[in-house]
Amino acid sequence: MKTILKTEDLTKSYRIGKKIDVPALRGVSLDIQEGEFVAIMGPSGCGKSTLLHLLGGLLSPTTGRIIIDGEDISNVSDAKRTDIRRRKIGFVFQRFNLFPTLSAEGNLKLAERIHTGDHSHDDSKRREVLRLLKLEDKMHHKPLELSGGEQQRVALARAVINEPAIILADEPTGNLDTENSKIVLDMFRRLNEEFNQTIIMITHNPEAAAVCSRTINMRDGRVVEEEKVG
């Protein structure tokens, strides 16, 4: 099986003031295989979000290596890291991060344009993704005209529209009710099972973690336990 994402002795510290370094990650080594659906769990402040942002190239490590699909992003330029992220990774953030002036469909169109640099795309694909997430009647609504659950589903649609090899999701069901959580998790499961997309999801919810194939537990910036599910 192909390793699509790997970290080696990864550390990250944040500097407070001129001399105090606060460690967020303390030597994290992971191997994630192509097509895995992985949950990362642990108490608040254990380093989960820092790890996810490092895996996605949004942060640079203090020490250690991050290898995405054979490409080492640990010490590359911001431009190179951005290019790798654009080609290989889709993000689902807890706070949605949608463009408020664009409709649901407009947010997807912008993601497609950023990915390819092309303004012409197949409308049918975009509408099929929105249909699968039960948003076909909301495609012309702007974020403020949508509920929180609908906004999260638009954020998920935006993350998957370009068919990234890896999807990184930060508490994607954290603010959702049961119905919306089920829609989001069902979509993740479908992407993973039918299209072999690798999904790494931070969650506090054991029910959400139960749909994954492996759970990684963190504490105090370290991986303390890994468990196969099912």
Protein backbone atom coordinates (compact mmCIF):
# COMPACT_ATOMS: atom_id res chain seq x y z
CA MET A 1 0.00 0.00 0.00
CA LYS A 2 1.25 3.48 -0.87
CA THR A 3 2.18 5.94 1.88
CA ILE A 4 0.59 9.23 0.87
CA LEU A 5 1.47 11.27 3.93
CA LYS A 6 4.38 10.83 6.31
CA THR A 7 5.88 12.79 9.19
CA GLU A 8 9.22 12.12 10.85
CA ASP A 9 9.90 13.37 14.39
CA LEU A 10 7.80 16.48 13.77
CA THR A 11 8.00 19.33 16.27
CA LYS A 12 6.40 22.76 16.39
CA SER A 13 7.00 25.48 18.96
CA TYR A 14 5.45 28.94 19.21
CA ARG A 15 7.49 31.82 20.54
CA ILE A 16 5.96 34.06 23.20
CA GLY A 17 7.89 37.27 23.69
CA LYS A 18 11.60 37.16 22.91
CA LYS A 19 12.74 34.06 24.76
CA ILE A 20 9.91 31.70 25.68
CA ASP A 21 9.18 28.82 23.29
CA VAL A 22 5.96 26.90 23.91
CA PRO A 23 5.98 23.41 22.34
CA ALA A 24 2.78 22.37 20.54
CA LEU A 25 4.12 19.17 18.94
CA ARG A 26 6.85 16.99 20.44
CA GLY A 27 8.23 14.48 17.95
CA VAL A 28 5.22 13.20 15.99
CA SER A 29 5.92 10.44 13.48
CA LEU A 30 3.04 9.18 11.32
CA ASP A 31 2.51 7.02 8.25
CA ILE A 32 -0.85 7.45 6.53
CA GLN A 33 -1.66 5.18 3.63
CA GLU A 34 -3.50 6.15 0.47
CA GLY A 35 -7.23 5.58 0.94
CA GLU A 36 -7.21 5.63 4.75
CA PHE A 37 -9.89 7.46 6.73
CA VAL A 38 -8.15 8.59 9.92
CA ALA A 39 -9.56 10.31 13.00
CA ILE A 40 -7.23 12.36 15.22
CA MET A 41 -8.56 12.69 18.75
CA GLY A 42 -7.40 14.13 22.05
CA PRO A 43 -8.12 16.87 24.60
CA SER A 44 -8.10 20.56 23.69
CA GLY A 45 -4.57 21.90 23.46
CA CYS A 46 -2.97 18.53 22.68
CA GLY A 47 -1.68 19.69 19.27
CA LYS A 48 -4.34 18.26 16.93
CA SER A 49 -5.03 21.45 14.98
CA THR A 50 -1.34 22.36 14.83
CA LEU A 51 -0.64 18.92 13.34
CA LEU A 52 -3.41 19.31 10.77
CA HIS A 53 -2.14 22.75 9.72
CA LEU A 54 1.37 21.37 9.35
CA LEU A 55 0.13 18.45 7.25
CA GLY A 56 -1.66 20.91 4.98
CA GLY A 57 1.31 23.21 4.58
CA LEU A 58 -0.35 26.11 6.39
CA LEU A 59 2.47 26.11 8.96
CA SER A 60 6.16 25.22 8.80
CA PRO A 61 7.61 22.76 11.32
CA THR A 62 10.24 23.77 13.84
CA THR A 63 12.07 20.49 13.20
CA GLY A 64 11.27 17.22 11.46
CA ARG A 65 9.91 16.32 8.04
CA ILE A 66 6.54 16.26 6.27
CA ILE A 67 6.27 14.25 3.04
CA ILE A 68 3.11 14.49 0.95
CA ASP A 69 2.77 11.97 -1.87
CA GLY A 70 6.55 11.76 -2.18
CA GLU A 71 7.21 15.51 -1.94
CA ASP A 72 9.03 16.87 1.12
CA ILE A 73 7.33 20.14 2.11
CA SER A 74 9.29 20.69 5.33
CA ASN A 75 11.65 23.40 4.12
CA VAL A 76 10.30 24.49 0.75
CA SER A 77 9.34 28.04 -0.17
CA ASP A 78 5.87 29.39 0.58
CA ALA A 79 5.13 29.37 -3.15
CA LYS A 80 6.08 25.69 -3.49
CA ARG A 81 4.08 24.74 -0.40
CA THR A 82 1.06 26.61 -1.77
CA ASP A 83 1.37 24.79 -5.10
CA ILE A 84 1.48 21.37 -3.44
CA ARG A 85 -1.51 22.28 -1.26
CA ARG A 86 -3.47 23.51 -4.28
CA ARG A 87 -2.81 20.32 -6.26
CA LYS A 88 -3.22 17.68 -3.58
CA ILE A 89 -5.23 18.88 -0.57
CA GLY A 90 -8.77 19.95 0.24
CA PHE A 91 -9.54 21.65 3.57
CA VAL A 92 -12.73 21.63 5.63
CA PHE A 93 -12.50 24.14 8.47
CA GLN A 94 -14.74 24.32 11.53
CA ARG A 95 -15.42 28.01 10.83
CA PHE A 96 -16.39 27.36 7.17
CA ASN A 97 -14.24 30.24 5.72
CA LEU A 98 -16.70 30.84 2.88
CA PHE A 99 -16.62 34.04 0.84
CA PRO A 100 -19.68 35.95 2.13
CA THR A 101 -20.36 37.83 -1.11
CA LEU A 102 -20.52 34.67 -3.23
CA SER A 103 -23.33 32.14 -3.52
CA ALA A 104 -22.81 28.48 -2.68
CA GLU A 105 -22.17 27.78 -6.35
CA GLY A 106 -19.93 30.86 -6.57
CA ASN A 107 -17.74 29.58 -3.74
CA LEU A 108 -17.28 26.32 -5.66
CA LYS A 109 -16.53 28.16 -8.91
CA LEU A 110 -13.83 30.18 -7.15
CA ALA A 111 -12.24 27.01 -5.78
CA GLU A 112 -12.18 25.54 -9.29
CA ARG A 113 -10.63 28.71 -10.69
CA ILE A 114 -7.91 28.79 -8.04
CA HIS A 115 -7.15 25.12 -8.71
CA THR A 116 -6.88 25.32 -12.50
CA GLY A 117 -6.59 29.00 -13.37
CA ASP A 118 -9.42 28.40 -15.83
CA HIS A 119 -12.77 30.23 -15.76
CA SER A 120 -14.68 27.58 -17.69
CA HIS A 121 -15.83 24.47 -15.81
CA ASP A 122 -18.45 21.78 -16.09
CA ASP A 123 -21.56 23.05 -14.29
CA SER A 124 -22.98 19.52 -14.06
CA LYS A 125 -20.17 18.32 -11.78
CA ARG A 126 -20.63 21.26 -9.43
CA ARG A 127 -24.36 20.72 -9.25
CA GLU A 128 -23.94 16.99 -8.67
CA VAL A 129 -21.70 17.66 -5.64
CA LEU A 130 -24.28 20.10 -4.26
CA ARG A 131 -27.03 17.55 -4.90
CA LEU A 132 -25.15 14.83 -3.01
CA LEU A 133 -24.91 17.21 -0.06
CA LYS A 134 -28.62 18.07 -0.36
CA LEU A 135 -27.92 21.67 -1.36
CA GLU A 136 -29.35 21.72 -4.88
CA ASP A 137 -32.04 24.22 -3.86
CA LYS A 138 -29.49 26.44 -2.08
CA MET A 139 -26.88 26.88 -4.80
CA HIS A 140 -27.74 30.55 -5.37
CA HIS A 141 -27.86 31.43 -1.65
CA LYS A 142 -25.04 33.36 0.00
CA PRO A 143 -23.55 32.10 3.30
CA LEU A 144 -25.59 34.45 5.50
CA GLU A 145 -28.74 33.04 3.90
CA LEU A 146 -27.76 29.50 4.95
CA SER A 147 -27.88 27.70 8.28
CA GLY A 148 -24.66 26.65 9.98
CA GLY A 149 -25.13 23.08 8.80
CA GLU A 150 -25.71 24.21 5.22
CA GLN A 151 -22.61 26.41 5.33
CA GLN A 152 -20.52 23.46 6.50
CA ARG A 153 -21.87 21.37 3.66
CA VAL A 154 -20.92 24.12 1.17
CA ALA A 155 -17.45 24.17 2.74
CA LEU A 156 -17.21 20.41 2.23
CA ALA A 157 -18.39 20.73 -1.38
CA ARG A 158 -15.71 23.37 -1.98
CA ALA A 159 -13.05 21.08 -0.49
CA VAL A 160 -13.93 18.10 -2.70
CA ILE A 161 -14.89 19.79 -5.98
CA ASN A 162 -11.35 19.50 -7.38
CA GLU A 163 -11.00 15.84 -6.33
CA PRO A 164 -7.96 16.26 -4.06
CA ALA A 165 -5.95 13.20 -3.07
CA ILE A 166 -6.12 14.23 0.60
CA ILE A 167 -8.93 15.90 2.56
CA LEU A 168 -8.06 17.52 5.90
CA ALA A 169 -11.05 18.27 8.12
CA ASP A 170 -10.88 20.20 11.40
CA GLU A 171 -13.89 19.28 13.60
CA PRO A 172 -16.22 19.22 10.56
CA THR A 173 -19.21 18.13 12.67
CA GLY A 174 -18.30 20.07 15.80
CA ASN A 175 -21.04 22.69 15.45
CA LEU A 176 -23.62 20.60 13.61
CA ASP A 177 -26.83 18.91 14.65
CA THR A 178 -27.36 15.17 14.19
CA GLU A 179 -28.90 15.41 10.72
CA ASN A 180 -26.20 17.67 9.27
CA SER A 181 -23.46 15.61 10.92
CA LYS A 182 -24.82 12.49 9.23
CA ILE A 183 -24.87 14.17 5.80
CA VAL A 184 -21.25 15.32 6.19
CA LEU A 185 -19.98 11.97 7.48
CA ASP A 186 -21.88 10.04 4.80
CA MET A 187 -20.20 12.21 2.15
CA PHE A 188 -16.77 11.59 3.67
CA ARG A 189 -17.44 7.86 3.73
CA ARG A 190 -18.56 7.88 0.10
CA LEU A 191 -15.48 9.83 -1.04
CA ASN A 192 -13.26 7.44 0.87
CA GLU A 193 -14.90 4.19 -0.25
CA GLU A 194 -15.80 5.03 -3.85
CA PHE A 195 -12.96 7.35 -4.85
CA ASN A 196 -10.18 6.18 -2.50
CA GLN A 197 -9.61 9.70 -1.20
CA THR A 198 -7.49 9.89 1.95
CA ILE A 199 -9.30 11.70 4.76
CA ILE A 200 -7.77 12.96 8.00
CA MET A 201 -10.34 14.32 10.42
CA ILE A 202 -9.94 15.97 13.80
CA THR A 203 -12.89 15.20 16.03
CA HIS A 204 -13.97 15.07 19.67
CA ASN A 205 -16.98 12.95 18.73
CA PRO A 206 -16.61 9.16 19.18
CA GLU A 207 -19.55 8.59 16.81
CA ALA A 208 -17.74 10.53 14.07
CA ALA A 209 -14.50 8.67 14.77
CA ALA A 210 -16.37 5.36 14.47
CA VAL A 211 -16.79 5.84 10.70
CA CYS A 212 -13.00 6.01 10.27
CA SER A 213 -10.64 3.10 9.64
CA ARG A 214 -8.06 4.23 12.22
CA THR A 215 -7.97 6.49 15.27
CA ILE A 216 -4.87 8.38 16.41
CA ASN A 217 -5.00 9.69 19.96
CA MET A 218 -2.84 12.63 21.03
CA ARG A 219 -1.89 14.12 24.36
CA ASP A 220 0.56 16.90 25.21
CA GLY A 221 1.81 17.20 21.65
CA ARG A 222 2.52 13.49 21.22
CA VAL A 223 0.81 10.49 19.69
CA VAL A 224 -0.03 8.22 22.62
CA GLU A 225 -2.16 5.53 20.95
CA GLU A 226 -3.27 4.29 17.55
CA GLU A 227 -6.21 1.98 17.02
CA LYS A 228 -7.70 0.28 14.00
CA VAL A 229 -11.49 0.63 13.80
CA GLY A 230 -13.72 -2.18 12.61
